Amino acid sequence: MIPELMKRGINEVCFYNVAGSPIGRKSVAGVADSFDVEQFHVVVSADQAENIFDYIYRFCDLSRPNKGFINMNKLSRSTQLDLPDLNDIANEEISD
């Protein structure tokens, strides 16, 4: 999933695994009743959100029962990082 998102210019992805047991059952390490879940968070601009949501839904085949789900939220905080154009910096250094 992450390489496919990166091909679409999405580089803000956090991926991790979670292990657990069904709710109501006592969890014991190493017992076959436990399960692993893959989770990832994707940060995109508001105008990309619906398209990326649809892409992930189709790519992960989430229309099938018990395949997974998507939770979509607004970012509560974000910091924009604007890098200077390297061509402008090179021209400024030459003119100084």
N, C-alpha and C. Protein backbone atom coordinates (compact mmCIF):
# COMPACT_ATOMS: atom_id res chain seq x y z
N MET A 1 0.82 -1.19 0.00
CA MET A 1 0.00 0.00 0.00
C MET A 1 0.86 1.26 0.00
N ILE A 2 1.87 1.31 0.85
CA ILE A 2 2.69 2.53 0.95
C ILE A 2 3.40 2.84 -0.37
N PRO A 3 4.04 1.87 -1.03
CA PRO A 3 4.66 2.20 -2.33
C PRO A 3 3.65 2.73 -3.35
N GLU A 4 2.44 2.20 -3.33
CA GLU A 4 1.41 2.67 -4.26
C GLU A 4 1.02 4.12 -3.95
N LEU A 5 0.92 4.47 -2.68
CA LEU A 5 0.61 5.85 -2.31
C LEU A 5 1.76 6.77 -2.68
N MET A 6 2.99 6.30 -2.49
CA MET A 6 4.15 7.13 -2.83
C MET A 6 4.21 7.41 -4.33
N LYS A 7 3.77 6.46 -5.16
CA LYS A 7 3.71 6.68 -6.60
C LYS A 7 2.76 7.83 -6.93
N ARG A 8 1.80 8.07 -6.05
CA ARG A 8 0.81 9.14 -6.24
C ARG A 8 1.22 10.42 -5.53
N GLY A 9 2.47 10.48 -5.04
CA GLY A 9 2.98 11.69 -4.41
C GLY A 9 2.63 11.83 -2.95
N ILE A 10 2.11 10.78 -2.32
CA ILE A 10 1.76 10.82 -0.90
C ILE A 10 2.94 10.27 -0.12
N ASN A 11 3.64 11.12 0.61
CA ASN A 11 4.82 10.70 1.35
C ASN A 11 4.64 10.73 2.86
N GLU A 12 3.50 11.21 3.32
CA GLU A 12 3.25 11.30 4.75
C GLU A 12 2.37 10.12 5.17
N VAL A 13 3.03 8.98 5.39
CA VAL A 13 2.34 7.75 5.76
C VAL A 13 3.06 7.14 6.96
N CYS A 14 2.31 6.75 7.95
CA CYS A 14 2.85 6.08 9.12
C CYS A 14 2.23 4.70 9.19
N PHE A 15 3.05 3.66 9.22
CA PHE A 15 2.57 2.28 9.19
C PHE A 15 3.05 1.55 10.43
N TYR A 16 2.18 0.75 11.04
CA TYR A 16 2.58 -0.07 12.18
C TYR A 16 1.65 -1.26 12.31
N ASN A 17 2.12 -2.28 13.04
CA ASN A 17 1.35 -3.50 13.31
C ASN A 17 0.82 -3.46 14.73
N VAL A 18 -0.35 -4.00 14.92
CA VAL A 18 -0.98 -4.09 16.24
C VAL A 18 -1.40 -5.55 16.43
N ALA A 19 -1.15 -6.12 17.61
CA ALA A 19 -1.57 -7.49 17.91
C ALA A 19 -2.60 -7.43 19.03
N GLY A 20 -3.52 -8.37 19.02
CA GLY A 20 -4.54 -8.37 20.06
C GLY A 20 -5.36 -9.64 20.09
N SER A 21 -6.37 -9.64 20.91
CA SER A 21 -7.32 -10.74 21.04
C SER A 21 -8.73 -10.19 20.92
N PRO A 22 -9.67 -11.01 20.53
CA PRO A 22 -11.06 -10.53 20.45
C PRO A 22 -11.54 -9.99 21.80
N ILE A 23 -12.39 -9.00 21.77
CA ILE A 23 -12.93 -8.39 22.99
C ILE A 23 -13.66 -9.44 23.81
N GLY A 24 -13.42 -9.45 25.12
CA GLY A 24 -14.10 -10.38 26.00
C GLY A 24 -13.34 -11.67 26.25
N ARG A 25 -12.24 -11.87 25.54
CA ARG A 25 -11.44 -13.08 25.75
C ARG A 25 -10.14 -12.72 26.44
N LYS A 26 -9.73 -13.56 27.34
CA LYS A 26 -8.48 -13.35 28.05
C LYS A 26 -7.32 -13.51 27.06
N SER A 27 -6.40 -12.57 27.06
CA SER A 27 -5.28 -12.65 26.13
C SER A 27 -4.10 -13.34 26.80
N VAL A 28 -3.52 -14.29 26.08
CA VAL A 28 -2.35 -15.01 26.55
C VAL A 28 -1.32 -14.97 25.43
N ALA A 29 -0.10 -14.54 25.78
CA ALA A 29 0.95 -14.42 24.77
C ALA A 29 1.19 -15.75 24.07
N GLY A 30 1.29 -15.73 22.76
CA GLY A 30 1.60 -16.91 21.98
C GLY A 30 0.42 -17.81 21.66
N VAL A 31 -0.77 -17.44 22.09
CA VAL A 31 -1.95 -18.25 21.83
C VAL A 31 -2.46 -17.95 20.42
N ALA A 32 -2.87 -18.98 19.72
CA ALA A 32 -3.29 -18.84 18.33
C ALA A 32 -4.54 -18.00 18.16
N ASP A 33 -5.26 -17.70 19.26
CA ASP A 33 -6.49 -16.93 19.17
C ASP A 33 -6.22 -15.43 18.95
N SER A 34 -4.97 -15.02 19.09
CA SER A 34 -4.65 -13.61 18.88
C SER A 34 -4.55 -13.33 17.38
N PHE A 35 -4.56 -12.06 17.03
CA PHE A 35 -4.52 -11.67 15.63
C PHE A 35 -3.61 -10.45 15.46
N ASP A 36 -3.13 -10.26 14.26
CA ASP A 36 -2.31 -9.10 13.92
C ASP A 36 -3.12 -8.19 13.01
N VAL A 37 -2.97 -6.91 13.23
CA VAL A 37 -3.66 -5.92 12.42
C VAL A 37 -2.63 -4.92 11.90
N GLU A 38 -2.72 -4.59 10.65
CA GLU A 38 -1.87 -3.57 10.06
C GLU A 38 -2.64 -2.27 10.02
N GLN A 39 -2.05 -1.22 10.54
CA GLN A 39 -2.67 0.10 10.52
C GLN A 39 -1.73 1.09 9.85
N PHE A 40 -2.30 2.05 9.17
CA PHE A 40 -1.48 3.14 8.65
C PHE A 40 -2.29 4.41 8.64
N HIS A 41 -1.58 5.50 8.80
CA HIS A 41 -2.18 6.83 8.77
C HIS A 41 -1.61 7.56 7.55
N VAL A 42 -2.47 8.21 6.83
CA VAL A 42 -2.08 8.94 5.63
C VAL A 42 -2.50 10.39 5.81
N VAL A 43 -1.59 11.32 5.55
CA VAL A 43 -1.90 12.74 5.65
C VAL A 43 -1.93 13.31 4.23
N VAL A 44 -3.08 13.86 3.86
CA VAL A 44 -3.23 14.49 2.54
C VAL A 44 -3.99 15.80 2.72
N SER A 45 -3.92 16.63 1.70
CA SER A 45 -4.67 17.88 1.74
C SER A 45 -6.16 17.58 1.61
N ALA A 46 -6.99 18.51 2.04
CA ALA A 46 -8.44 18.31 2.04
C ALA A 46 -8.97 18.02 0.64
N ASP A 47 -8.39 18.64 -0.38
CA ASP A 47 -8.89 18.43 -1.74
C ASP A 47 -8.50 17.05 -2.30
N GLN A 48 -7.55 16.36 -1.68
CA GLN A 48 -7.17 15.01 -2.10
C GLN A 48 -7.88 13.92 -1.30
N ALA A 49 -8.46 14.26 -0.18
CA ALA A 49 -8.96 13.28 0.78
C ALA A 49 -9.93 12.27 0.18
N GLU A 50 -10.94 12.73 -0.53
CA GLU A 50 -11.94 11.82 -1.10
C GLU A 50 -11.33 10.86 -2.12
N ASN A 51 -10.45 11.38 -2.98
CA ASN A 51 -9.82 10.53 -3.99
C ASN A 51 -8.93 9.47 -3.36
N ILE A 52 -8.15 9.85 -2.36
CA ILE A 52 -7.27 8.89 -1.68
C ILE A 52 -8.11 7.87 -0.91
N PHE A 53 -9.17 8.34 -0.27
CA PHE A 53 -10.09 7.43 0.43
C PHE A 53 -10.60 6.37 -0.54
N ASP A 54 -11.11 6.80 -1.70
CA ASP A 54 -11.64 5.86 -2.70
C ASP A 54 -10.55 4.91 -3.19
N TYR A 55 -9.35 5.44 -3.41
CA TYR A 55 -8.25 4.60 -3.89
C TYR A 55 -7.92 3.52 -2.87
N ILE A 56 -7.76 3.87 -1.60
CA ILE A 56 -7.45 2.90 -0.56
C ILE A 56 -8.56 1.87 -0.44
N TYR A 57 -9.80 2.31 -0.50
CA TYR A 57 -10.96 1.41 -0.41
C TYR A 57 -10.91 0.35 -1.51
N ARG A 58 -10.63 0.78 -2.74
CA ARG A 58 -10.56 -0.17 -3.85
C ARG A 58 -9.31 -1.04 -3.78
N PHE A 59 -8.15 -0.42 -3.50
CA PHE A 59 -6.88 -1.15 -3.49
C PHE A 59 -6.89 -2.25 -2.43
N CYS A 60 -7.44 -1.97 -1.26
CA CYS A 60 -7.48 -2.94 -0.15
C CYS A 60 -8.71 -3.84 -0.19
N ASP A 61 -9.56 -3.67 -1.20
CA ASP A 61 -10.76 -4.48 -1.37
C ASP A 61 -11.63 -4.48 -0.11
N LEU A 62 -11.88 -3.29 0.42
CA LEU A 62 -12.61 -3.14 1.68
C LEU A 62 -14.11 -3.36 1.54
N SER A 63 -14.60 -3.64 0.34
CA SER A 63 -16.02 -3.96 0.17
C SER A 63 -16.34 -5.37 0.66
N ARG A 64 -15.30 -6.19 0.84
CA ARG A 64 -15.50 -7.56 1.34
C ARG A 64 -15.67 -7.54 2.86
N PRO A 65 -16.55 -8.38 3.41
CA PRO A 65 -16.77 -8.41 4.85
C PRO A 65 -15.49 -8.77 5.63
N ASN A 66 -15.32 -8.12 6.77
CA ASN A 66 -14.20 -8.36 7.69
C ASN A 66 -12.83 -8.10 7.07
N LYS A 67 -12.78 -7.28 6.05
CA LYS A 67 -11.52 -6.99 5.38
C LYS A 67 -10.81 -5.80 6.02
N GLY A 68 -11.55 -4.91 6.65
CA GLY A 68 -10.96 -3.74 7.27
C GLY A 68 -11.89 -2.55 7.20
N PHE A 69 -11.41 -1.42 7.67
CA PHE A 69 -12.21 -0.21 7.60
C PHE A 69 -11.30 1.01 7.49
N ILE A 70 -11.90 2.12 7.13
CA ILE A 70 -11.19 3.39 7.01
C ILE A 70 -11.84 4.39 7.94
N ASN A 71 -11.02 5.11 8.65
CA ASN A 71 -11.49 6.19 9.50
C ASN A 71 -10.87 7.48 8.96
N MET A 72 -11.70 8.45 8.61
CA MET A 72 -11.21 9.68 8.01
C MET A 72 -11.51 10.85 8.95
N ASN A 73 -10.48 11.62 9.29
CA ASN A 73 -10.61 12.75 10.21
C ASN A 73 -9.90 13.97 9.66
N LYS A 74 -10.31 15.12 10.16
CA LYS A 74 -9.56 16.34 9.88
C LYS A 74 -8.33 16.37 10.77
N LEU A 75 -7.28 16.95 10.27
CA LEU A 75 -6.08 17.13 11.09
C LEU A 75 -6.35 18.22 12.12
N SER A 76 -5.98 17.95 13.35
CA SER A 76 -6.16 18.99 14.37
C SER A 76 -5.01 19.99 14.33
N ARG A 77 -3.84 19.52 13.90
CA ARG A 77 -2.68 20.40 13.79
C ARG A 77 -1.84 19.97 12.60
N SER A 78 -1.17 20.93 12.03
CA SER A 78 -0.28 20.62 10.92
C SER A 78 0.73 21.75 10.79
N THR A 79 1.89 21.41 10.34
CA THR A 79 2.92 22.42 10.09
C THR A 79 3.32 22.34 8.64
N GLN A 80 3.18 23.42 7.94
CA GLN A 80 3.56 23.45 6.54
C GLN A 80 5.04 23.74 6.44
N LEU A 81 5.75 23.01 5.64
CA LEU A 81 7.17 23.20 5.44
C LEU A 81 7.39 23.65 4.01
N ASP A 82 7.77 24.89 3.85
CA ASP A 82 8.04 25.44 2.52
C ASP A 82 9.54 25.54 2.32
N LEU A 83 10.07 24.73 1.43
CA LEU A 83 11.50 24.77 1.12
C LEU A 83 11.74 25.80 0.03
N PRO A 84 12.83 26.54 0.13
CA PRO A 84 13.12 27.53 -0.91
C PRO A 84 13.50 26.83 -2.22
N ASP A 85 13.24 27.53 -3.30
CA ASP A 85 13.62 27.02 -4.61
C ASP A 85 15.14 27.11 -4.72
N LEU A 86 15.80 26.00 -4.98
CA LEU A 86 17.26 25.98 -5.02
C LEU A 86 17.83 26.86 -6.11
N ASN A 87 17.11 27.04 -7.19
CA ASN A 87 17.59 27.91 -8.27
C ASN A 87 17.65 29.36 -7.80
N ASP A 88 16.68 29.81 -7.00
CA ASP A 88 16.69 31.17 -6.48
C ASP A 88 17.86 31.39 -5.53
N ILE A 89 18.15 30.40 -4.70
CA ILE A 89 19.27 30.53 -3.75
C ILE A 89 20.59 30.60 -4.50
N ALA A 90 20.76 29.79 -5.51
CA ALA A 90 22.00 29.80 -6.29
C ALA A 90 22.19 31.16 -6.95
N ASN A 91 21.13 31.75 -7.49
CA ASN A 91 21.21 33.06 -8.13
C ASN A 91 21.54 34.15 -7.13
N GLU A 92 20.99 34.09 -5.92
CA GLU A 92 21.28 35.08 -4.89
C GLU A 92 22.75 35.03 -4.47
N GLU A 93 23.30 33.83 -4.32
CA GLU A 93 24.69 33.68 -3.91
C GLU A 93 25.63 34.21 -4.97
N ILE A 94 25.29 34.02 -6.22
CA ILE A 94 26.14 34.51 -7.32
C ILE A 94 26.11 36.03 -7.36
N SER A 95 24.97 36.64 -7.11
CA SER A 95 24.84 38.09 -7.22
C SER A 95 25.46 38.82 -6.03
N ASP A 96 25.68 38.13 -4.90
CA ASP A 96 26.25 38.78 -3.70
C ASP A 96 27.69 39.01 -3.86
